[in-house]
Amino acid sequence: TNSCHDRSSRPCVHWSRCAYECSSVTASRATPLTTFGSPVVGTIRNTVLYSSYKDNNCDNTQSSPIRDQVQTIVWYMTQFWKDMADPVSKRFYYMSYPTTKERVHQHMPIRDLAAIWDTTKLLHFWKYVQNTAVEQPQQQHDDELLLTQSILTSLDVYSASFTTMLLDEHDATSTTTTSRSVLHLNSQILGESPHIAHSALLLLGSIGAIQLSLIPLTSKIPLKELTVGILSMQRKDGAFYINFDEERQRRQQKELQQGQTATTTSNGNPANDNVYRGIDFFPGEAMVALMETYQFLQDAPTFGLSAGAADTPTDTTNNVENQHQELDELILSSMKDAFDFYSKYYYEGDVDVNYNIWQIQAFCKYYKALVATTTSLSSPLLRQNVKQYCIDLCYGVVTSKSWKYELSRGRMFYPNLDTVEIACGLDALADGIQLVVNDHGDDDKDDDYAVLLRHAQNAIDFMEWSQHQVPQHPPPSPQQQKSSSSTSNSDTPPRGFGYGGLGFGGTYVREQRLDVTGHAMSALTKLYPLL
């Protein structure tokens, strides 16, 4: 059952389970978590995940060992995340060094913007847990306030100023060049050249903050304009230009038009092409933002759209509804074109597994929208093709070397793994599992989610193990040892520096990057309602 599989085939449903059960991992059930402040750590066999899901029919109001395990892991990640919010600047640290007990800021705008979005998902998670738990957990309001302040301060920084520029758009199939006005983040604030992922992550963080009622719908952040700015970067073939830099695009286009020789990538594409540079990450992030915006449009009554000149409230309402419909259609049309380009690139190209991560998240959301819409922008054939693309991408993750030959073989192989690879993969699989769970009438559905859920459990167990590679409690000092006789046994020892966050891998954690824990936290918060 451990034969090699390519994208077009599916592995045996049982191989992951067999490999896992033959490993030396010791399994035990977790004690249910009853309060936010008193987690109990445990682990379970990965077979429990699938059987528990089937038995409960995805009843997300019931306690289960796997839900308790996930909640415990997220609780410790929450403590780490709170520690990574600077109480002075109300901004997020980027790096944590457990060995030297230091936390430092670094200039990483993309990951700083992603931290805003991750924090909104974390706060949503604890709100969800409070609303569904049999016993309401006691939230630590001071910690929540600090995280909220960090969200707001960071949003204020990046939305302090925007740039509107005329972007020259050249169609490679013709000699015409057009100019259009595009809004993007300010390069002086970013400290680097702005691109579509900056706009995407600001959109995602802002929408999350609005949903938490942290900022109003009428906030100063131009949500519609940022969305249209991303859409304006799409070529006619569906590909997205990455960088907003007008001069860089003009130079690049001039160079290609003059027929100069350009360095090529492994796919045979120009290495300096503004479409292919960063294709593994940036277009996918942009498309996730487009689809989150689309879903938000279905729920938000105004979305900050300008009503324009209207004589009556009815005119205003109609105008806003028309703007919603127009933007809805623009997004769905854009995603259809993008699907044509990026799915072809995947099936025909030699892509890295990193490509799969954001593609899964974007097109799973697109598939959900296609199922829900009744417009001509959705068809049975398109839905089937998008769904199959998402499933193939998911199998591309779980059949990669790290997932198939190391993660699934258990604890003895954990030190060989890169934490970020498993965290990012699980972040994507969570969306794939959601797609399979919600999709009815597919004969392969049981096999698909059996495989994906078992792999998810393997990753969850690895996340729990990774947390423990940072000492949970610091060793007592000589003074503490001398006074231990006078200390009550009920006193909780201090939490170890960096405990709860994830390192890069291995059994000794020297440094922790915020986005690694962010991906894992995002994955677990998405999986939790499905378990």
Protein backbone atom coordinates (compact mmCIF):
# COMPACT_ATOMS: atom_id res chain seq x y z
CA THR A 1 0.00 0.00 0.00
CA ASN A 2 3.02 2.33 0.10
CA SER A 3 3.50 2.56 -3.66
CA CYS A 4 4.47 5.84 -5.27
CA HIS A 5 1.65 8.03 -6.60
CA ASP A 6 1.55 10.94 -8.99
CA ARG A 7 -1.00 13.77 -9.06
CA SER A 8 -3.51 11.85 -11.13
CA SER A 9 -3.70 8.84 -8.80
CA ARG A 10 -4.78 8.49 -5.21
CA PRO A 11 -2.93 6.59 -2.50
CA CYS A 12 -4.47 3.69 -0.68
CA VAL A 13 -6.85 4.85 2.04
CA HIS A 14 -5.05 2.73 4.59
CA TRP A 15 -1.35 3.33 3.98
CA SER A 16 -1.05 6.33 6.30
CA ARG A 17 -2.86 4.47 9.07
CA CYS A 18 -0.68 1.38 8.61
CA ALA A 19 2.53 3.39 8.73
CA TYR A 20 1.34 5.28 11.79
CA GLU A 21 0.18 2.22 13.75
CA CYS A 22 3.47 0.44 13.04
CA SER A 23 5.44 3.32 14.54
CA SER A 24 6.51 3.62 18.14
CA VAL A 25 4.18 6.48 19.00
CA THR A 26 2.45 5.96 22.31
CA ALA A 27 -1.17 7.08 22.25
CA SER A 28 -3.41 8.26 25.05
CA ARG A 29 -6.66 10.13 25.25
CA ALA A 30 -6.79 13.75 26.31
CA THR A 31 -8.73 14.89 29.33
CA PRO A 32 -11.49 17.30 28.24
CA LEU A 33 -10.51 20.93 28.53
CA THR A 34 -13.00 22.83 30.65
CA THR A 35 -11.45 26.24 31.18
CA PHE A 36 -9.39 28.63 29.11
CA GLY A 37 -6.81 28.85 31.88
CA SER A 38 -6.28 25.17 32.75
CA PRO A 39 -5.35 23.09 29.73
CA VAL A 40 -4.58 19.40 29.98
CA VAL A 41 -2.26 18.07 27.29
CA GLY A 42 -2.87 14.70 25.68
CA THR A 43 -2.73 12.87 22.36
CA ILE A 44 -4.87 10.30 20.57
CA ARG A 45 -4.48 7.77 17.79
CA ASN A 46 -5.08 9.20 14.38
CA THR A 47 -7.77 6.58 13.66
CA VAL A 48 -9.93 8.21 16.33
CA LEU A 49 -10.20 11.37 14.23
CA TYR A 50 -12.00 9.74 11.35
CA SER A 51 -14.22 7.46 13.44
CA SER A 52 -15.14 10.27 15.82
CA TYR A 53 -16.04 12.52 12.90
CA LYS A 54 -18.22 9.82 11.32
CA ASP A 55 -19.92 8.88 14.59
CA ASN A 56 -20.72 12.48 15.50
CA ASN A 57 -21.73 13.45 11.94
CA CYS A 58 -19.61 16.57 12.32
CA ASP A 59 -21.55 17.67 15.41
CA ASN A 60 -19.34 20.58 16.39
CA THR A 61 -21.06 21.23 19.71
CA GLN A 62 -19.83 18.00 21.33
CA SER A 63 -16.59 17.46 23.19
CA SER A 64 -14.22 14.84 21.78
CA PRO A 65 -10.61 13.82 22.45
CA ILE A 66 -9.36 15.35 19.21
CA ARG A 67 -11.18 18.63 19.82
CA ASP A 68 -9.73 18.75 23.33
CA GLN A 69 -6.26 18.08 21.96
CA VAL A 70 -6.57 20.86 19.38
CA GLN A 71 -7.98 23.30 21.93
CA THR A 72 -5.10 22.59 24.28
CA ILE A 73 -2.50 23.18 21.57
CA VAL A 74 -4.19 26.41 20.51
CA TRP A 75 -4.39 27.54 24.14
CA TYR A 76 -0.60 27.30 24.49
CA MET A 77 -0.15 28.97 21.11
CA THR A 78 -2.37 31.78 22.36
CA GLN A 79 -0.05 32.33 25.31
CA PHE A 80 2.94 32.45 22.99
CA TRP A 81 1.10 34.79 20.61
CA LYS A 82 0.23 37.13 23.46
CA ASP A 83 3.91 37.20 24.47
CA MET A 84 4.78 38.18 20.88
CA ALA A 85 2.66 41.34 21.15
CA ASP A 86 4.91 44.15 22.35
CA PRO A 87 3.08 45.81 25.29
CA VAL A 88 4.95 49.08 24.66
CA SER A 89 4.64 49.61 20.90
CA LYS A 90 1.48 47.46 20.55
CA ARG A 91 3.15 45.84 17.52
CA PHE A 92 4.04 42.21 16.93
CA TYR A 93 7.52 40.87 17.49
CA TYR A 94 8.79 38.75 14.62
CA MET A 95 11.39 36.51 16.28
CA SER A 96 11.63 34.80 19.66
CA TYR A 97 14.87 33.28 20.99
CA PRO A 98 14.15 30.89 23.88
CA THR A 99 17.83 30.25 24.64
CA THR A 100 18.65 33.94 25.19
CA LYS A 101 15.12 34.94 26.27
CA GLU A 102 14.85 37.70 23.69
CA ARG A 103 12.06 38.86 21.42
CA VAL A 104 12.92 41.17 18.54
CA HIS A 105 11.18 43.20 15.86
CA GLN A 106 12.30 42.75 12.26
CA HIS A 107 11.30 44.54 9.11
CA MET A 108 9.02 41.93 7.50
CA PRO A 109 5.86 43.72 6.26
CA ILE A 110 4.28 40.66 4.63
CA ARG A 111 4.54 38.58 7.79
CA ASP A 112 3.57 41.50 9.98
CA LEU A 113 0.41 41.96 7.93
CA ALA A 114 -0.22 38.21 8.10
CA ALA A 115 0.07 38.41 11.90
CA ILE A 116 -2.89 40.81 11.96
CA TRP A 117 -5.02 38.32 10.05
CA ASP A 118 -3.83 35.38 12.17
CA THR A 119 -4.71 37.26 15.34
CA THR A 120 -8.24 37.95 14.14
CA LYS A 121 -8.64 34.23 13.44
CA LEU A 122 -7.35 33.42 16.92
CA LEU A 123 -9.84 35.78 18.57
CA HIS A 124 -12.63 34.35 16.39
CA PHE A 125 -11.65 30.88 17.57
CA TRP A 126 -11.97 31.68 21.27
CA LYS A 127 -15.25 33.43 20.58
CA TYR A 128 -16.45 30.27 18.84
CA VAL A 129 -15.29 28.07 21.72
CA GLN A 130 -17.11 30.26 24.21
CA ASN A 131 -20.31 30.02 22.19
CA THR A 132 -20.22 26.22 21.79
CA ALA A 133 -18.57 24.87 24.93
CA VAL A 134 -20.74 23.09 27.50
CA GLU A 135 -18.76 24.88 30.18
CA GLN A 136 -17.88 28.44 29.17
CA PRO A 137 -14.09 29.00 29.30
CA GLN A 138 -12.88 31.97 31.32
CA GLN A 139 -11.19 34.32 28.87
CA GLN A 140 -8.16 36.26 29.96
CA HIS A 141 -9.41 39.73 29.09
CA ASP A 142 -6.07 41.50 29.58
CA ASP A 143 -4.43 39.24 27.03
CA GLU A 144 -7.30 39.71 24.61
CA LEU A 145 -7.06 43.47 25.03
CA LEU A 146 -3.34 43.46 24.19
CA LEU A 147 -3.94 41.39 21.06
CA THR A 148 -6.78 43.69 20.04
CA GLN A 149 -4.59 46.75 20.54
CA SER A 150 -1.86 45.14 18.42
CA ILE A 151 -4.35 44.53 15.62
CA LEU A 152 -5.57 48.11 15.67
CA THR A 153 -2.12 49.68 15.94
CA SER A 154 -0.78 47.59 13.07
CA LEU A 155 -3.80 48.40 10.89
CA ASP A 156 -3.31 52.09 11.62
CA VAL A 157 0.33 51.91 10.58
CA TYR A 158 -0.26 50.24 7.22
CA SER A 159 -3.41 52.22 6.36
CA ALA A 160 -1.92 55.62 7.23
CA SER A 161 -1.34 56.38 3.56
CA PHE A 162 -2.05 54.77 0.20
CA THR A 163 -0.69 55.38 -3.26
CA THR A 164 -2.71 55.73 -6.44
CA MET A 165 -0.72 55.22 -9.60
CA LEU A 166 -1.25 54.80 -13.32
CA LEU A 167 -0.28 51.27 -14.21
CA ASP A 168 0.77 50.48 -17.77
CA GLU A 169 -0.73 47.16 -18.78
CA HIS A 170 0.74 45.44 -21.83
CA ASP A 171 -0.89 42.52 -23.58
CA ALA A 172 1.83 40.21 -24.85
CA THR A 173 -0.40 39.10 -27.74
CA SER A 174 -0.70 42.62 -29.16
CA THR A 175 1.18 45.89 -29.39
CA THR A 176 -1.31 47.89 -27.32
CA THR A 177 -0.60 49.35 -23.90
CA THR A 178 -3.29 50.78 -21.63
CA SER A 179 -3.09 52.70 -18.37
CA ARG A 180 -5.38 52.34 -15.40
CA SER A 181 -5.52 53.83 -11.91
CA VAL A 182 -4.54 51.38 -9.18
CA LEU A 183 -4.56 51.78 -5.39
CA HIS A 184 -1.93 50.02 -3.29
CA LEU A 185 -0.06 50.37 -0.01
CA ASN A 186 2.50 53.11 0.34
CA SER A 187 6.04 51.96 -0.42
CA GLN A 188 7.51 54.38 2.13
CA ILE A 189 5.41 52.81 4.89
CA LEU A 190 6.23 49.31 3.71
CA GLY A 191 9.90 50.00 3.23
CA GLU A 192 9.78 47.86 0.09
CA SER A 193 8.13 47.79 -3.30
CA PRO A 194 4.38 47.11 -2.91
CA HIS A 195 2.78 44.06 -4.47
CA ILE A 196 -0.57 42.28 -4.48
CA ALA A 197 0.14 40.23 -1.36
CA HIS A 198 0.50 43.42 0.72
CA SER A 199 -2.95 44.53 -0.41
CA ALA A 200 -4.37 41.03 0.07
CA LEU A 201 -3.18 40.63 3.65
CA LEU A 202 -4.33 44.11 4.64
CA LEU A 203 -7.75 43.22 3.20
CA LEU A 204 -7.85 39.95 5.13
CA GLY A 205 -6.81 41.53 8.42
CA SER A 206 -9.28 44.39 7.98
CA ILE A 207 -12.20 42.08 7.20
CA GLY A 208 -11.33 39.97 10.23
CA ALA A 209 -11.24 43.08 12.42
CA ILE A 210 -14.63 44.24 11.08
CA GLN A 211 -16.14 40.84 11.79
CA LEU A 212 -14.87 41.10 15.37
CA SER A 213 -16.39 44.62 15.59
CA LEU A 214 -12.95 46.06 16.26
CA ILE A 215 -13.29 48.58 13.43
CA PRO A 216 -16.45 49.84 11.70
CA LEU A 217 -17.56 49.07 8.17
CA THR A 218 -16.98 52.73 7.41
CA SER A 219 -13.33 52.60 8.48
CA LYS A 220 -10.71 54.59 6.62
CA ILE A 221 -9.30 51.43 5.05
CA PRO A 222 -10.45 51.47 1.40
CA LEU A 223 -11.58 47.86 1.10
CA LYS A 224 -13.27 48.17 -2.27
CA GLU A 225 -10.37 50.10 -3.80
CA LEU A 226 -7.83 47.54 -2.54
CA THR A 227 -9.95 44.77 -4.03
CA VAL A 228 -10.24 46.53 -7.37
CA GLY A 229 -6.50 47.22 -7.25
CA ILE A 230 -5.79 43.49 -7.07
CA LEU A 231 -8.28 42.76 -9.86
CA SER A 232 -6.59 45.41 -12.01
CA MET A 233 -3.34 43.44 -11.89
CA GLN A 234 -4.79 40.47 -13.76
CA ARG A 235 -3.77 39.72 -17.32
CA LYS A 236 -6.26 38.56 -19.94
CA ASP A 237 -5.00 34.98 -19.63
CA GLY A 238 -5.90 34.94 -15.91
CA ALA A 239 -2.41 35.40 -14.45
CA PHE A 240 -1.76 38.15 -11.91
CA TYR A 241 1.07 40.62 -12.13
CA ILE A 242 2.80 40.57 -8.76
CA ASN A 243 4.48 43.94 -8.28
CA PHE A 244 2.79 47.32 -8.51
CA ASP A 245 5.99 49.08 -9.39
CA GLU A 246 5.15 50.95 -12.60
CA GLU A 247 8.73 51.50 -13.63
CA ARG A 248 9.74 47.92 -13.01
CA GLN A 249 6.90 46.67 -15.19
CA ARG A 250 7.72 49.17 -17.92
CA ARG A 251 11.39 48.17 -17.95
CA GLN A 252 10.51 44.50 -17.94
CA GLN A 253 8.02 44.85 -20.79
CA LYS A 254 10.45 46.93 -22.83
CA GLU A 255 13.16 44.30 -22.30
CA LEU A 256 10.88 41.48 -23.44
CA GLN A 257 9.63 43.47 -26.44
CA GLN A 258 13.19 44.10 -27.58
CA GLY A 259 13.79 40.36 -27.58
CA GLN A 260 16.60 40.43 -25.04
CA THR A 261 17.59 37.10 -23.58
CA ALA A 262 16.15 36.56 -20.12
CA THR A 263 17.06 34.08 -17.44
CA THR A 264 14.50 31.31 -17.24
CA THR A 265 13.01 29.33 -14.37
CA SER A 266 12.66 25.54 -14.25
CA ASN A 267 9.29 25.97 -15.98
CA GLY A 268 10.90 27.77 -18.91
CA ASN A 269 9.37 31.13 -17.88
CA PRO A 270 11.38 34.37 -17.65
CA ALA A 271 12.85 34.56 -14.15
CA ASN A 272 12.31 38.33 -14.11
CA ASP A 273 8.71 38.07 -15.31
CA ASN A 274 6.38 39.92 -12.97
CA VAL A 275 3.91 37.02 -13.19
CA TYR A 276 6.23 34.13 -12.31
CA ARG A 277 8.40 35.70 -9.64
CA GLY A 278 6.75 34.68 -6.36
CA ILE A 279 4.09 32.60 -8.13
CA ASP A 280 4.18 29.99 -5.34
CA PHE A 281 2.84 32.48 -2.82
CA PHE A 282 1.64 35.92 -3.91
CA PRO A 283 -1.11 35.13 -6.46
CA GLY A 284 -2.60 32.57 -4.09
CA GLU A 285 -2.67 35.05 -1.22
CA ALA A 286 -4.32 37.60 -3.50
CA MET A 287 -6.99 35.11 -4.57
CA VAL A 288 -7.69 34.13 -0.95
CA ALA A 289 -8.30 37.82 -0.24
CA LEU A 290 -10.59 38.14 -3.25
CA MET A 291 -12.68 35.19 -2.11
CA GLU A 292 -12.80 36.37 1.51
CA THR A 293 -13.98 39.72 0.16
CA TYR A 294 -16.59 37.96 -1.97
CA GLN A 295 -17.92 36.06 1.05
CA PHE A 296 -17.87 39.22 3.11
CA LEU A 297 -19.97 40.94 0.44
CA GLN A 298 -22.64 38.30 0.92
CA ASP A 299 -22.87 39.18 4.62
CA ALA A 300 -22.05 42.88 4.94
CA PRO A 301 -24.87 45.30 4.11
CA THR A 302 -22.68 48.19 2.94
CA PHE A 303 -19.02 47.11 2.85
CA GLY A 304 -18.11 50.79 2.79
CA LEU A 305 -19.13 51.14 -0.86
CA SER A 306 -19.91 54.65 -1.98
CA ALA A 307 -23.61 55.15 -2.66
CA GLY A 308 -22.91 58.14 -4.90
CA ALA A 309 -25.43 60.82 -5.61
CA ALA A 310 -28.85 59.49 -4.65
CA ASP A 311 -32.07 61.38 -4.19
CA THR A 312 -33.81 58.93 -1.88
CA PRO A 313 -32.87 56.15 0.56
CA THR A 314 -34.27 53.68 -1.98
CA ASP A 315 -31.90 55.03 -4.64
CA THR A 316 -29.03 54.67 -2.18
CA THR A 317 -29.92 51.08 -1.34
CA ASN A 318 -30.31 50.15 -5.00
CA ASN A 319 -27.00 51.76 -5.89
CA VAL A 320 -25.14 49.90 -3.14
CA GLU A 321 -26.78 46.61 -4.17
CA ASN A 322 -25.75 47.23 -7.78
CA GLN A 323 -22.16 47.91 -6.68
CA HIS A 324 -22.19 44.69 -4.67
CA GLN A 325 -23.40 42.69 -7.63
CA GLU A 326 -20.85 44.29 -9.92
CA LEU A 327 -17.96 43.52 -7.57
CA ASP A 328 -19.32 40.00 -6.97
CA GLU A 329 -19.29 39.31 -10.68
CA LEU A 330 -15.86 40.87 -11.15
CA ILE A 331 -14.39 38.59 -8.47
CA LEU A 332 -16.02 35.40 -9.75
CA SER A 333 -15.07 36.21 -13.34
CA SER A 334 -11.51 36.94 -12.23
CA MET A 335 -11.30 33.64 -10.35
CA LYS A 336 -12.54 31.70 -13.37
CA ASP A 337 -9.80 33.19 -15.53
CA ALA A 338 -7.26 32.61 -12.76
CA PHE A 339 -8.34 28.98 -12.47
CA ASP A 340 -7.67 28.45 -16.17
CA PHE A 341 -4.15 29.83 -15.87
CA TYR A 342 -2.98 28.48 -12.51
CA SER A 343 -4.44 24.98 -12.86
CA LYS A 344 -2.77 24.66 -16.27
CA TYR A 345 0.49 25.90 -14.75
CA TYR A 346 0.18 23.23 -12.04
CA TYR A 347 -0.59 20.29 -14.29
CA GLU A 348 1.95 21.24 -16.97
CA GLY A 349 4.70 22.66 -14.79
CA ASP A 350 7.26 21.29 -12.37
CA VAL A 351 5.96 23.10 -9.30
CA ASP A 352 7.16 22.99 -5.72
CA VAL A 353 4.73 21.82 -3.02
CA ASN A 354 4.72 25.39 -1.72
CA TYR A 355 2.62 26.26 -4.77
CA ASN A 356 -0.16 23.99 -3.50
CA ILE A 357 -0.61 25.74 -0.15
CA TRP A 358 -2.25 29.00 -1.20
CA GLN A 359 -3.84 27.50 -4.31
CA ILE A 360 -5.79 25.06 -2.12
CA GLN A 361 -7.00 27.82 0.18
CA ALA A 362 -8.03 30.09 -2.69
CA PHE A 363 -9.81 27.59 -4.90
CA CYS A 364 -11.57 25.75 -2.07
CA LYS A 365 -13.18 29.10 -1.26
CA TYR A 366 -13.92 29.60 -4.94
CA TYR A 367 -15.58 26.19 -5.13
CA LYS A 368 -17.77 27.05 -2.15
CA ALA A 369 -18.87 30.24 -3.92
CA LEU A 370 -19.59 28.37 -7.16
CA VAL A 371 -21.84 25.92 -5.32
CA ALA A 372 -23.75 28.76 -3.66
CA THR A 373 -24.20 31.07 -6.64
CA THR A 374 -27.01 30.79 -9.18
CA THR A 375 -25.41 33.02 -11.79
CA SER A 376 -24.08 31.99 -15.18
CA LEU A 377 -20.56 32.25 -13.76
CA SER A 378 -21.00 28.76 -12.32
CA SER A 379 -21.56 25.52 -14.23
CA PRO A 380 -21.47 21.80 -13.29
CA LEU A 381 -18.33 21.25 -15.38
CA LEU A 382 -16.52 24.21 -13.84
CA ARG A 383 -17.46 23.10 -10.31
CA GLN A 384 -16.24 19.57 -11.01
CA ASN A 385 -12.94 20.80 -12.44
CA VAL A 386 -12.29 23.19 -9.55
CA LYS A 387 -13.12 20.52 -6.99
CA GLN A 388 -10.83 17.99 -8.65
CA TYR A 389 -8.04 20.57 -8.80
CA CYS A 390 -8.37 21.19 -5.06
CA ILE A 391 -8.35 17.47 -4.27
CA ASP A 392 -5.31 16.90 -6.50
CA LEU A 393 -3.48 19.74 -4.77
CA CYS A 394 -4.27 18.22 -1.37
CA TYR A 395 -2.92 14.84 -2.46
CA GLY A 396 0.14 16.65 -3.73
CA VAL A 397 0.75 17.80 -0.15
CA VAL A 398 0.15 14.48 1.62
CA THR A 399 2.19 12.48 -0.91
CA SER A 400 5.18 14.79 -0.65
CA LYS A 401 8.31 13.29 0.88
CA SER A 402 7.95 14.94 4.28
CA TRP A 403 4.29 14.01 4.73
CA LYS A 404 4.33 10.51 3.25
CA TYR A 405 7.69 9.11 4.32
CA GLU A 406 8.43 10.96 7.56
CA LEU A 407 5.38 12.51 9.21
CA SER A 408 3.19 9.42 8.74
CA ARG A 409 5.86 7.13 10.25
CA GLY A 410 5.56 8.65 13.70
CA ARG A 411 7.51 10.29 16.45
CA MET A 412 10.91 8.83 15.71
CA PHE A 413 10.92 10.77 12.42
CA TYR A 414 9.66 14.08 13.85
CA PRO A 415 13.16 15.56 14.37
CA ASN A 416 13.77 15.27 10.60
CA LEU A 417 10.84 17.52 9.70
CA ASP A 418 10.75 21.24 8.95
CA THR A 419 7.96 22.62 11.13
CA VAL A 420 6.98 25.31 8.64
CA GLU A 421 6.39 22.71 5.91
CA ILE A 422 3.95 20.76 8.08
CA ALA A 423 2.28 23.89 9.48
CA CYS A 424 1.69 25.37 6.03
CA GLY A 425 0.52 22.06 4.65
CA LEU A 426 -1.99 21.62 7.45
CA ASP A 427 -3.23 25.17 6.93
CA ALA A 428 -4.11 24.21 3.36
CA LEU A 429 -5.48 20.74 4.17
CA ALA A 430 -7.95 22.30 6.59
CA ASP A 431 -9.63 24.01 3.63
CA GLY A 432 -9.47 20.83 1.57
CA ILE A 433 -11.13 18.86 4.35
CA GLN A 434 -13.83 21.52 4.61
CA LEU A 435 -14.52 21.15 0.88
CA VAL A 436 -14.79 17.36 1.08
CA VAL A 437 -16.95 17.46 4.20
CA ASN A 438 -19.45 19.86 2.64
CA ASP A 439 -19.55 18.15 -0.74
CA HIS A 440 -22.31 15.57 -1.00
CA GLY A 441 -23.05 12.86 -3.53
CA ASP A 442 -19.44 11.98 -4.33
CA ASP A 443 -18.67 8.25 -4.21
CA ASP A 444 -15.02 9.02 -3.44
CA LYS A 445 -15.91 11.40 -0.62
CA ASP A 446 -15.40 8.89 2.21
CA ASP A 447 -12.02 7.82 0.87
CA ASP A 448 -10.88 11.41 0.37
CA TYR A 449 -11.67 12.66 3.81
CA ALA A 450 -10.49 9.43 5.41
CA VAL A 451 -7.06 10.03 3.91
CA LEU A 452 -6.94 13.79 4.50
CA LEU A 453 -8.22 13.61 8.06
CA ARG A 454 -5.72 10.92 9.01
CA HIS A 455 -2.91 13.04 7.64
CA ALA A 456 -4.31 16.01 9.55
CA GLN A 457 -4.16 14.00 12.78
CA ASN A 458 -0.55 13.10 12.07
CA ALA A 459 0.20 16.81 11.68
CA ILE A 460 -1.71 17.71 14.84
CA ASP A 461 0.32 15.17 16.83
CA PHE A 462 3.48 16.65 15.35
CA MET A 463 2.41 20.18 16.38
CA GLU A 464 1.88 18.96 19.94
CA TRP A 465 5.30 17.32 19.96
CA SER A 466 6.91 20.45 18.52
CA GLN A 467 5.46 22.59 21.30
CA HIS A 468 7.14 20.39 23.88
CA GLN A 469 10.59 20.92 22.38
CA VAL A 470 10.65 24.22 24.27
CA PRO A 471 10.72 23.44 28.02
CA GLN A 472 7.27 23.97 29.46
CA HIS A 473 8.72 25.36 32.68
CA PRO A 474 12.18 26.90 33.19
CA PRO A 475 14.53 25.04 35.55
CA PRO A 476 14.40 26.48 39.08
CA SER A 477 17.19 28.81 40.14
CA PRO A 478 19.30 27.94 43.22
CA GLN A 479 17.32 30.49 45.20
CA GLN A 480 14.05 28.89 44.10
CA GLN A 481 15.38 25.46 45.03
CA LYS A 482 16.28 26.65 48.52
CA SER A 483 12.87 28.19 49.04
CA SER A 484 10.96 25.28 47.46
CA SER A 485 10.19 23.81 50.85
CA SER A 486 8.21 26.92 51.75
CA THR A 487 6.38 27.06 48.40
CA SER A 488 2.96 25.55 48.11
CA ASN A 489 2.72 22.53 45.81
CA SER A 490 -0.35 24.10 44.26
CA ASP A 491 1.59 27.06 42.92
CA THR A 492 1.84 27.00 39.14
CA PRO A 493 5.48 27.27 38.01
CA PRO A 494 6.24 29.98 35.45
CA ARG A 495 5.85 29.07 31.79
CA GLY A 496 9.07 28.54 29.87
CA PHE A 497 10.19 31.33 27.53
CA GLY A 498 8.68 30.70 24.11
CA TYR A 499 6.65 27.69 25.22
CA GLY A 500 3.58 27.25 23.05
CA GLY A 501 5.28 28.55 19.92
CA LEU A 502 6.92 26.43 17.25
CA GLY A 503 10.54 26.36 16.20
CA PHE A 504 11.97 25.47 12.82
CA GLY A 505 12.32 21.77 13.61
CA GLY A 506 14.44 19.32 15.55
CA THR A 507 14.64 18.67 19.25
CA TYR A 508 16.38 21.88 20.27
CA VAL A 509 14.62 25.19 19.60
CA ARG A 510 16.95 28.16 19.28
CA GLU A 511 14.59 30.54 17.50
CA GLN A 512 10.90 30.87 16.71
CA ARG A 513 9.45 32.81 13.78
CA LEU A 514 5.99 34.25 14.32
CA ASP A 515 4.54 33.13 10.99
CA VAL A 516 5.39 29.45 11.59
CA THR A 517 3.15 29.36 14.65
CA GLY A 518 0.68 31.55 12.75
CA HIS A 519 0.19 28.95 10.00
CA ALA A 520 -0.26 26.17 12.55
CA MET A 521 -2.67 28.25 14.60
CA SER A 522 -4.68 29.13 11.49
CA ALA A 523 -4.89 25.46 10.52
CA LEU A 524 -6.05 24.29 13.93
CA THR A 525 -8.68 27.00 14.30
CA LYS A 526 -10.12 26.04 10.90
CA LEU A 527 -10.08 22.32 11.68
CA TYR A 528 -11.67 22.60 15.12
CA PRO A 529 -15.31 23.07 14.00
CA LEU A 530 -14.98 20.04 11.71
CA LEU A 531 -13.85 17.62 14.41
